[in-house]
């Protein structure tokens, strides 16, 4: 009996920890306001991507902070360097994590008909 009670408690704690770990993604698209063009980011179509792909580890822990949060990619004017939001979104080079453009390029390789929507600057899904 004690064993069943112990396993039940452990399962309950594990479920509670997993639910508390990841906040619910916003249903409305987020607006990334940089120095030039506003970017619309809808979480819903990105739900099949693991959160840690974008909300990467910081000091060994997953962070659900916004990309442009203070201390992260908060240089909204610069175009180079890991503090530059523009750079980490548009970089085609290997970073510590996957950039938006790297992922969109992979999708377009599989589905070329999405090129204008996913890689176009003006009037794309990113920059409407």
N, C-alpha and C. Protein backbone atom coordinates (compact mmCIF):
# COMPACT_ATOMS: atom_id res chain seq x y z
N UNK A 1 0.82 -1.20 0.00
CA UNK A 1 0.00 0.00 0.00
C UNK A 1 0.86 1.26 0.00
N UNK A 2 1.91 1.24 0.84
CA UNK A 2 2.80 2.41 0.90
C UNK A 2 3.46 2.65 -0.46
N UNK A 3 3.80 1.56 -1.14
CA UNK A 3 4.45 1.68 -2.45
C UNK A 3 3.52 2.34 -3.47
N UNK A 4 2.26 1.93 -3.48
CA UNK A 4 1.28 2.51 -4.39
C UNK A 4 1.08 3.98 -4.08
N UNK A 5 0.98 4.32 -2.80
CA UNK A 5 0.82 5.72 -2.39
C UNK A 5 2.04 6.54 -2.82
N UNK A 6 3.24 5.99 -2.63
CA UNK A 6 4.47 6.68 -3.03
C UNK A 6 4.50 6.91 -4.54
N UNK A 7 4.21 5.87 -5.32
CA UNK A 7 4.20 6.01 -6.78
C UNK A 7 3.14 7.00 -7.24
N UNK A 8 2.00 6.99 -6.59
CA UNK A 8 0.94 7.93 -6.92
C UNK A 8 1.39 9.37 -6.67
N UNK A 9 2.04 9.61 -5.56
CA UNK A 9 2.55 10.94 -5.22
C UNK A 9 3.61 11.38 -6.22
N UNK A 10 4.51 10.48 -6.57
CA UNK A 10 5.58 10.82 -7.53
C UNK A 10 5.00 11.17 -8.89
N UNK A 11 4.00 10.41 -9.33
CA UNK A 11 3.35 10.68 -10.61
C UNK A 11 2.65 12.03 -10.58
N UNK A 12 1.98 12.32 -9.50
CA UNK A 12 1.29 13.61 -9.34
C UNK A 12 2.30 14.75 -9.40
N UNK A 13 3.41 14.63 -8.70
CA UNK A 13 4.45 15.66 -8.72
C UNK A 13 5.05 15.84 -10.11
N UNK A 14 5.28 14.73 -10.80
CA UNK A 14 5.86 14.80 -12.14
C UNK A 14 4.93 15.52 -13.10
N UNK A 15 3.64 15.21 -13.04
CA UNK A 15 2.66 15.87 -13.90
C UNK A 15 2.57 17.35 -13.56
N UNK A 16 2.52 17.68 -12.28
CA UNK A 16 2.44 19.08 -11.85
C UNK A 16 3.67 19.85 -12.30
N UNK A 17 4.84 19.26 -12.20
CA UNK A 17 6.07 19.93 -12.62
C UNK A 17 6.09 20.18 -14.12
N UNK A 18 5.62 19.22 -14.91
CA UNK A 18 5.64 19.40 -16.35
C UNK A 18 4.63 20.45 -16.79
N UNK A 19 3.50 20.52 -16.11
CA UNK A 19 2.49 21.52 -16.43
C UNK A 19 2.98 22.91 -16.03
N UNK A 20 3.63 23.02 -14.89
CA UNK A 20 4.11 24.32 -14.40
C UNK A 20 5.33 24.80 -15.17
N UNK A 21 6.08 23.91 -15.78
CA UNK A 21 7.34 24.28 -16.43
C UNK A 21 7.12 25.16 -17.67
N UNK A 22 6.19 24.81 -18.49
CA UNK A 22 5.99 25.55 -19.74
C UNK A 22 4.73 26.39 -19.66
N UNK A 23 4.86 27.70 -19.82
CA UNK A 23 3.66 28.53 -19.83
C UNK A 23 2.87 28.29 -21.12
N UNK A 24 1.61 28.61 -21.09
CA UNK A 24 0.77 28.45 -22.27
C UNK A 24 1.16 29.50 -23.31
N UNK A 25 1.35 29.04 -24.54
CA UNK A 25 1.71 29.96 -25.62
C UNK A 25 0.54 30.89 -25.92
N UNK A 26 0.83 32.15 -26.23
CA UNK A 26 -0.26 33.09 -26.55
C UNK A 26 -0.98 32.69 -27.83
N UNK A 27 -2.29 32.88 -27.84
CA UNK A 27 -3.07 32.54 -29.03
C UNK A 27 -3.00 33.64 -30.08
N UNK A 28 -2.93 34.88 -29.66
CA UNK A 28 -2.82 35.99 -30.61
C UNK A 28 -1.37 36.16 -31.04
N UNK A 29 -1.14 36.53 -32.30
CA UNK A 29 0.24 36.73 -32.76
C UNK A 29 0.95 37.82 -31.95
N UNK A 30 2.24 37.61 -31.72
CA UNK A 30 3.06 38.62 -31.05
C UNK A 30 3.62 39.56 -32.09
N UNK A 31 3.84 40.79 -31.70
CA UNK A 31 4.47 41.77 -32.59
C UNK A 31 5.88 42.03 -32.10
N UNK A 32 6.86 41.75 -32.96
CA UNK A 32 8.25 42.09 -32.68
C UNK A 32 8.48 43.45 -33.32
N UNK A 33 8.65 44.47 -32.50
CA UNK A 33 8.86 45.81 -33.04
C UNK A 33 10.34 46.13 -32.96
N UNK A 34 10.99 46.11 -34.11
CA UNK A 34 12.40 46.43 -34.20
C UNK A 34 12.59 47.81 -34.77
N UNK A 35 13.75 48.03 -35.33
CA UNK A 35 14.07 49.36 -35.83
C UNK A 35 13.47 49.62 -37.21
N UNK A 36 13.12 48.57 -37.95
CA UNK A 36 12.62 48.79 -39.30
C UNK A 36 11.20 48.28 -39.49
N UNK A 37 11.05 46.98 -39.61
CA UNK A 37 9.74 46.40 -39.89
C UNK A 37 9.24 45.61 -38.69
N UNK A 38 7.95 45.73 -38.44
CA UNK A 38 7.33 44.93 -37.40
C UNK A 38 7.16 43.51 -37.92
N UNK A 39 7.45 42.54 -37.06
CA UNK A 39 7.30 41.14 -37.42
C UNK A 39 6.15 40.57 -36.62
N UNK A 40 5.26 39.87 -37.31
CA UNK A 40 4.16 39.20 -36.65
C UNK A 40 4.57 37.75 -36.41
N UNK A 41 4.51 37.30 -35.17
CA UNK A 41 4.88 35.93 -34.84
C UNK A 41 3.70 35.21 -34.21
N UNK A 42 3.06 34.32 -34.99
CA UNK A 42 1.97 33.52 -34.43
C UNK A 42 2.52 32.24 -33.81
N UNK A 43 2.23 32.00 -32.54
CA UNK A 43 2.70 30.78 -31.89
C UNK A 43 1.99 29.53 -32.42
N UNK A 44 0.70 29.66 -32.79
CA UNK A 44 -0.10 28.50 -33.15
C UNK A 44 0.54 27.65 -34.26
N UNK A 45 0.95 28.24 -35.42
CA UNK A 45 1.55 27.39 -36.45
C UNK A 45 2.93 26.85 -36.06
N UNK A 46 3.53 27.41 -35.04
CA UNK A 46 4.85 26.96 -34.59
C UNK A 46 4.76 25.93 -33.46
N UNK A 47 3.55 25.50 -33.12
CA UNK A 47 3.34 24.61 -31.98
C UNK A 47 4.03 23.26 -32.15
N UNK A 48 4.30 22.85 -33.39
CA UNK A 48 4.96 21.56 -33.59
C UNK A 48 6.47 21.64 -33.34
N UNK A 49 6.98 22.84 -33.17
CA UNK A 49 8.39 23.06 -32.85
C UNK A 49 8.54 23.07 -31.34
N UNK A 50 9.55 22.39 -30.83
CA UNK A 50 9.76 22.38 -29.37
C UNK A 50 10.08 23.79 -28.89
N UNK A 51 9.54 24.17 -27.76
CA UNK A 51 9.74 25.52 -27.21
C UNK A 51 11.23 25.86 -27.08
N UNK A 52 12.03 24.87 -26.69
CA UNK A 52 13.46 25.11 -26.44
C UNK A 52 14.21 25.47 -27.73
N UNK A 53 13.60 25.28 -28.89
CA UNK A 53 14.23 25.68 -30.15
C UNK A 53 14.44 27.19 -30.18
N UNK A 54 13.45 27.93 -29.74
CA UNK A 54 13.56 29.39 -29.70
C UNK A 54 13.87 29.90 -28.30
N UNK A 55 13.16 29.37 -27.33
CA UNK A 55 13.38 29.75 -25.94
C UNK A 55 14.50 28.85 -25.40
N UNK A 56 15.69 29.11 -25.89
CA UNK A 56 16.83 28.22 -25.63
C UNK A 56 17.33 28.31 -24.20
N UNK A 57 18.23 27.41 -23.86
CA UNK A 57 18.74 27.34 -22.50
C UNK A 57 19.61 28.55 -22.16
N UNK A 58 19.41 29.08 -20.98
CA UNK A 58 20.22 30.17 -20.45
C UNK A 58 20.70 29.70 -19.09
N UNK A 59 22.01 29.62 -18.92
CA UNK A 59 22.61 29.09 -17.69
C UNK A 59 22.07 27.69 -17.38
N UNK A 60 21.86 26.89 -18.44
CA UNK A 60 21.42 25.51 -18.27
C UNK A 60 19.93 25.34 -18.01
N UNK A 61 19.18 26.44 -18.03
CA UNK A 61 17.74 26.37 -17.77
C UNK A 61 16.99 26.97 -18.94
N UNK A 62 15.81 26.42 -19.20
CA UNK A 62 14.98 26.93 -20.28
C UNK A 62 14.38 28.26 -19.87
N UNK A 63 14.39 29.21 -20.79
CA UNK A 63 13.86 30.54 -20.50
C UNK A 63 12.67 30.81 -21.42
N UNK A 64 11.59 31.29 -20.87
CA UNK A 64 10.43 31.62 -21.67
C UNK A 64 10.31 33.14 -21.85
N UNK A 65 11.43 33.83 -21.68
CA UNK A 65 11.44 35.27 -21.88
C UNK A 65 11.30 35.57 -23.37
N UNK A 66 10.86 36.77 -23.67
CA UNK A 66 10.77 37.20 -25.07
C UNK A 66 12.18 37.38 -25.60
N UNK A 67 12.35 37.18 -26.91
CA UNK A 67 13.68 37.29 -27.54
C UNK A 67 14.34 38.64 -27.25
N UNK A 68 13.56 39.71 -27.31
CA UNK A 68 14.10 41.04 -27.13
C UNK A 68 14.16 41.50 -25.69
N UNK A 69 14.01 40.58 -24.75
CA UNK A 69 14.07 40.94 -23.33
C UNK A 69 15.44 41.49 -22.97
N UNK A 70 15.47 42.34 -21.97
CA UNK A 70 16.71 42.93 -21.51
C UNK A 70 17.74 41.84 -21.20
N UNK A 71 18.92 41.99 -21.77
CA UNK A 71 19.99 41.03 -21.55
C UNK A 71 20.02 39.90 -22.56
N UNK A 72 18.98 39.77 -23.37
CA UNK A 72 18.95 38.71 -24.38
C UNK A 72 19.34 39.31 -25.73
N UNK A 73 18.42 39.33 -26.66
CA UNK A 73 18.68 39.89 -27.99
C UNK A 73 18.02 41.26 -28.04
N UNK A 74 18.50 42.15 -27.16
CA UNK A 74 17.83 43.44 -26.96
C UNK A 74 18.41 44.59 -27.78
N UNK A 75 19.35 44.30 -28.69
CA UNK A 75 19.84 45.32 -29.61
C UNK A 75 18.88 45.35 -30.80
N UNK A 76 17.97 46.30 -30.82
CA UNK A 76 16.96 46.38 -31.87
C UNK A 76 17.40 47.20 -33.06
N UNK A 77 18.58 47.78 -33.01
CA UNK A 77 19.08 48.61 -34.10
C UNK A 77 20.18 47.89 -34.88
N UNK A 78 21.09 47.21 -34.18
CA UNK A 78 22.22 46.54 -34.81
C UNK A 78 21.81 45.38 -35.67
N UNK A 79 22.68 45.04 -36.63
CA UNK A 79 22.39 43.92 -37.52
C UNK A 79 23.40 42.79 -37.36
N UNK A 80 24.37 42.96 -36.46
CA UNK A 80 25.39 41.94 -36.25
C UNK A 80 25.54 41.65 -34.76
N UNK A 81 25.96 40.43 -34.46
CA UNK A 81 26.22 40.06 -33.08
C UNK A 81 25.03 39.38 -32.43
N UNK A 82 25.31 38.53 -31.45
CA UNK A 82 24.25 37.74 -30.83
C UNK A 82 23.28 38.56 -29.97
N UNK A 83 23.61 39.79 -29.67
CA UNK A 83 22.67 40.67 -28.95
C UNK A 83 21.67 41.30 -29.92
N UNK A 84 21.99 41.28 -31.21
CA UNK A 84 21.12 41.88 -32.22
C UNK A 84 19.96 40.95 -32.52
N UNK A 85 18.74 41.44 -32.31
CA UNK A 85 17.55 40.65 -32.62
C UNK A 85 17.51 40.33 -34.11
N UNK A 86 17.85 41.32 -34.94
CA UNK A 86 17.86 41.11 -36.39
C UNK A 86 18.80 39.97 -36.77
N UNK A 87 19.98 39.94 -36.20
CA UNK A 87 20.97 38.93 -36.53
C UNK A 87 20.51 37.52 -36.14
N UNK A 88 20.01 37.35 -34.93
CA UNK A 88 19.63 36.01 -34.49
C UNK A 88 18.37 35.50 -35.18
N UNK A 89 17.56 36.39 -35.73
CA UNK A 89 16.39 35.99 -36.49
C UNK A 89 16.76 35.64 -37.93
N UNK A 90 17.66 36.44 -38.54
CA UNK A 90 17.97 36.30 -39.96
C UNK A 90 19.23 35.49 -40.27
N UNK A 91 20.02 35.15 -39.28
CA UNK A 91 21.29 34.47 -39.53
C UNK A 91 21.08 33.12 -40.21
N UNK A 92 21.93 32.85 -41.19
CA UNK A 92 21.91 31.54 -41.84
C UNK A 92 23.06 30.68 -41.32
N UNK A 93 23.88 31.25 -40.45
CA UNK A 93 25.00 30.53 -39.86
C UNK A 93 24.53 29.75 -38.66
N UNK A 94 25.30 28.74 -38.30
CA UNK A 94 24.96 27.97 -37.11
C UNK A 94 25.18 28.82 -35.87
N UNK A 95 24.12 29.01 -35.13
CA UNK A 95 24.19 29.70 -33.86
C UNK A 95 24.05 28.64 -32.78
N UNK A 96 23.97 29.06 -31.55
CA UNK A 96 23.72 28.12 -30.45
C UNK A 96 22.33 27.51 -30.57
N UNK A 97 21.47 28.18 -31.32
CA UNK A 97 20.11 27.70 -31.52
C UNK A 97 19.70 27.98 -32.97
N UNK A 98 18.60 27.43 -33.39
CA UNK A 98 18.11 27.62 -34.75
C UNK A 98 17.49 29.00 -34.89
N UNK A 99 17.86 29.70 -35.96
CA UNK A 99 17.25 31.00 -36.22
C UNK A 99 15.95 30.81 -36.99
N UNK A 100 15.14 31.84 -37.01
CA UNK A 100 13.87 31.80 -37.76
C UNK A 100 14.15 31.50 -39.23
N UNK A 101 15.11 32.23 -39.82
CA UNK A 101 15.40 32.07 -41.24
C UNK A 101 15.94 30.68 -41.56
N UNK A 102 16.75 30.10 -40.67
CA UNK A 102 17.26 28.75 -40.89
C UNK A 102 16.10 27.76 -40.97
N UNK A 103 15.17 27.87 -40.06
CA UNK A 103 14.04 26.95 -40.03
C UNK A 103 13.13 27.17 -41.25
N UNK A 104 12.84 28.42 -41.57
CA UNK A 104 11.99 28.72 -42.72
C UNK A 104 12.63 28.22 -44.01
N UNK A 105 13.95 28.32 -44.12
CA UNK A 105 14.66 27.83 -45.32
C UNK A 105 14.48 26.32 -45.46
N UNK A 106 14.58 25.60 -44.34
CA UNK A 106 14.37 24.14 -44.37
C UNK A 106 12.95 23.79 -44.82
N UNK A 107 11.97 24.52 -44.34
CA UNK A 107 10.58 24.26 -44.71
C UNK A 107 10.38 24.52 -46.20
N UNK A 108 10.96 25.60 -46.71
CA UNK A 108 10.82 25.96 -48.13
C UNK A 108 11.49 24.92 -49.02
N UNK A 109 12.58 24.32 -48.56
CA UNK A 109 13.22 23.24 -49.33
C UNK A 109 12.25 22.09 -49.54
N UNK A 110 11.44 21.80 -48.53
CA UNK A 110 10.45 20.72 -48.62
C UNK A 110 9.17 21.15 -49.33
N UNK A 111 8.83 22.44 -49.19
CA UNK A 111 7.59 22.97 -49.77
C UNK A 111 7.88 24.28 -50.49
N UNK A 112 8.44 24.22 -51.73
CA UNK A 112 8.85 25.44 -52.45
C UNK A 112 7.73 26.45 -52.68
N UNK A 113 6.48 26.00 -52.69
CA UNK A 113 5.37 26.93 -52.90
C UNK A 113 5.20 27.93 -51.74
N UNK A 114 5.87 27.69 -50.62
CA UNK A 114 5.78 28.59 -49.47
C UNK A 114 6.89 29.65 -49.45
N UNK A 115 7.72 29.67 -50.49
CA UNK A 115 8.89 30.57 -50.49
C UNK A 115 8.51 32.03 -50.25
N UNK A 116 7.55 32.56 -51.00
CA UNK A 116 7.19 33.98 -50.85
C UNK A 116 6.66 34.26 -49.44
N UNK A 117 5.86 33.34 -48.90
CA UNK A 117 5.29 33.55 -47.57
C UNK A 117 6.34 33.48 -46.47
N UNK A 118 7.29 32.55 -46.58
CA UNK A 118 8.21 32.30 -45.47
C UNK A 118 9.58 32.95 -45.61
N UNK A 119 9.95 33.36 -46.82
CA UNK A 119 11.28 33.95 -46.99
C UNK A 119 11.23 35.36 -47.56
N UNK A 120 10.07 35.80 -47.99
CA UNK A 120 9.96 37.14 -48.54
C UNK A 120 10.02 38.19 -47.45
N UNK A 121 10.62 39.32 -47.74
CA UNK A 121 10.68 40.39 -46.73
C UNK A 121 9.37 41.17 -46.71
N UNK A 122 9.05 41.82 -47.81
CA UNK A 122 7.83 42.62 -47.86
C UNK A 122 6.65 41.74 -48.22
N UNK A 123 5.55 41.97 -47.55
CA UNK A 123 4.29 41.27 -47.79
C UNK A 123 4.41 39.76 -47.65
N UNK A 124 5.16 39.33 -46.67
CA UNK A 124 5.27 37.91 -46.34
C UNK A 124 4.49 37.69 -45.05
N UNK A 125 4.46 36.46 -44.57
CA UNK A 125 3.78 36.18 -43.30
C UNK A 125 4.53 36.80 -42.14
N UNK A 126 5.85 37.01 -42.31
CA UNK A 126 6.64 37.62 -41.25
C UNK A 126 6.50 39.13 -41.23
N UNK A 127 6.59 39.72 -42.41
CA UNK A 127 6.52 41.18 -42.55
C UNK A 127 5.31 41.56 -43.40
N UNK A 128 4.09 41.49 -42.84
CA UNK A 128 2.90 41.78 -43.64
C UNK A 128 2.82 43.24 -44.06
